[in-house]
Amino acid sequence: MEHGPATNWEKDNSSDYKTKTGLKLFIIYCMIYIGFVAINTIKPKLMGLKIAFGLNLACIYGFGLIILAIIMGLIYNAGCSKAEDKVTNAEKGAKK
């Protein structure tokens, strides 16, 4: 009994868009993360400042990075899904 692929993987015509979008989001995240590392390296006492709700800058910045990563993942997924739908609809229209 042979088990074939669960999905049909064809050429991904939206891969350029996905690559560019992923790299842009990655660079933005890296720049913000570099700020986090720089503060910890240059002025570590600054991370101890109470900012909001009794939490210090390290907690706020750290949780902010986690939330930012989730939001960027959702943005990437939505953008790539939209690009794939656009390409798929264009291909269906061209086949008719």
Protein backbone atom coordinates (compact mmCIF):
# COMPACT_ATOMS: atom_id res chain seq x y z
CA MET A 1 0.00 0.00 0.00
CA GLU A 2 1.58 3.24 -1.16
CA HIS A 3 0.94 6.54 0.51
CA GLY A 4 1.29 9.54 -1.79
CA PRO A 5 1.56 13.19 -0.83
CA ALA A 6 -1.37 14.70 1.06
CA THR A 7 -1.35 17.79 -1.14
CA ASN A 8 -0.39 18.61 -4.68
CA TRP A 9 2.69 20.84 -4.59
CA GLU A 10 3.09 22.80 -7.77
CA LYS A 11 5.27 25.79 -8.60
CA ASP A 12 4.70 28.60 -6.11
CA ASN A 13 4.21 31.72 -8.21
CA SER A 14 3.99 33.93 -5.13
CA SER A 15 7.34 32.83 -3.67
CA ASP A 16 9.03 36.14 -4.63
CA TYR A 17 6.43 38.08 -2.65
CA LYS A 18 6.76 35.69 0.29
CA THR A 19 10.54 35.98 0.31
CA LYS A 20 10.56 39.78 0.15
CA THR A 21 7.86 40.13 2.80
CA GLY A 22 9.56 37.64 5.12
CA LEU A 23 12.92 39.37 4.79
CA LYS A 24 11.41 42.81 5.44
CA LEU A 25 9.64 41.62 8.57
CA PHE A 26 12.77 39.78 9.72
CA ILE A 27 14.93 42.90 9.31
CA ILE A 28 12.40 45.05 11.20
CA TYR A 29 12.32 42.52 14.04
CA CYS A 30 16.11 42.25 14.11
CA MET A 31 16.48 46.03 14.39
CA ILE A 32 14.10 46.13 17.34
CA TYR A 33 15.84 43.16 18.96
CA ILE A 34 19.23 44.82 18.45
CA GLY A 35 17.84 47.74 20.48
CA PHE A 36 16.98 45.31 23.29
CA VAL A 37 20.46 43.78 23.24
CA ALA A 38 22.12 47.20 23.00
CA ILE A 39 20.29 48.50 26.07
CA ASN A 40 21.27 45.36 27.99
CA THR A 41 24.89 45.75 26.91
CA ILE A 42 25.38 49.50 27.19
CA LYS A 43 23.05 50.50 30.05
CA PRO A 44 21.82 47.38 31.83
CA LYS A 45 20.52 49.40 34.79
CA LEU A 46 18.02 51.03 32.42
CA MET A 47 16.25 47.68 32.10
CA GLY A 48 15.45 47.82 35.82
CA LEU A 49 13.32 50.97 35.53
CA LYS A 50 9.67 50.48 36.43
CA ILE A 51 7.61 51.39 33.37
CA ALA A 52 4.00 50.25 33.77
CA PHE A 53 1.93 48.00 36.06
CA GLY A 54 4.96 47.53 38.32
CA LEU A 55 6.92 45.87 35.53
CA ASN A 56 10.40 46.95 34.54
CA LEU A 57 11.61 47.84 31.05
CA ALA A 58 13.12 44.37 30.55
CA CYS A 59 9.73 42.67 31.04
CA ILE A 60 7.84 45.19 28.93
CA TYR A 61 10.41 45.08 26.11
CA GLY A 62 10.68 41.28 26.27
CA PHE A 63 6.93 40.71 26.18
CA GLY A 64 6.71 43.36 23.47
CA LEU A 65 9.16 41.38 21.35
CA ILE A 66 7.10 38.22 21.79
CA ILE A 67 3.85 39.99 20.92
CA LEU A 68 5.52 41.70 17.95
CA ALA A 69 6.69 38.32 16.62
CA ILE A 70 3.14 36.94 16.84
CA ILE A 71 1.68 40.01 15.11
CA MET A 72 4.32 39.86 12.37
CA GLY A 73 3.54 36.17 11.85
CA LEU A 74 -0.14 37.00 11.42
CA ILE A 75 0.69 39.83 9.01
CA TYR A 76 2.95 37.51 7.01
CA ASN A 77 0.31 34.79 6.88
CA ALA A 78 -2.45 37.18 5.80
CA GLY A 79 -0.28 38.83 3.15
CA CYS A 80 0.97 35.54 1.72
CA SER A 81 -2.52 34.02 1.69
CA LYS A 82 -3.80 37.06 -0.18
CA ALA A 83 -0.92 36.84 -2.69
CA GLU A 84 -1.54 33.12 -3.25
CA ASP A 85 -5.26 33.72 -3.78
CA LYS A 86 -4.49 36.49 -6.26
CA VAL A 87 -2.11 34.26 -8.24
CA THR A 88 -4.53 31.31 -8.12
CA ASN A 89 -7.45 33.43 -9.33
CA ALA A 90 -5.30 34.90 -12.12
CA GLU A 91 -4.26 31.39 -13.22
CA LYS A 92 -7.87 30.16 -13.18
CA GLY A 93 -8.91 33.16 -15.27
CA ALA A 94 -6.12 32.50 -17.78
CA LYS A 95 -7.13 28.83 -18.18
CA LYS A 96 -10.71 29.67 -19.17
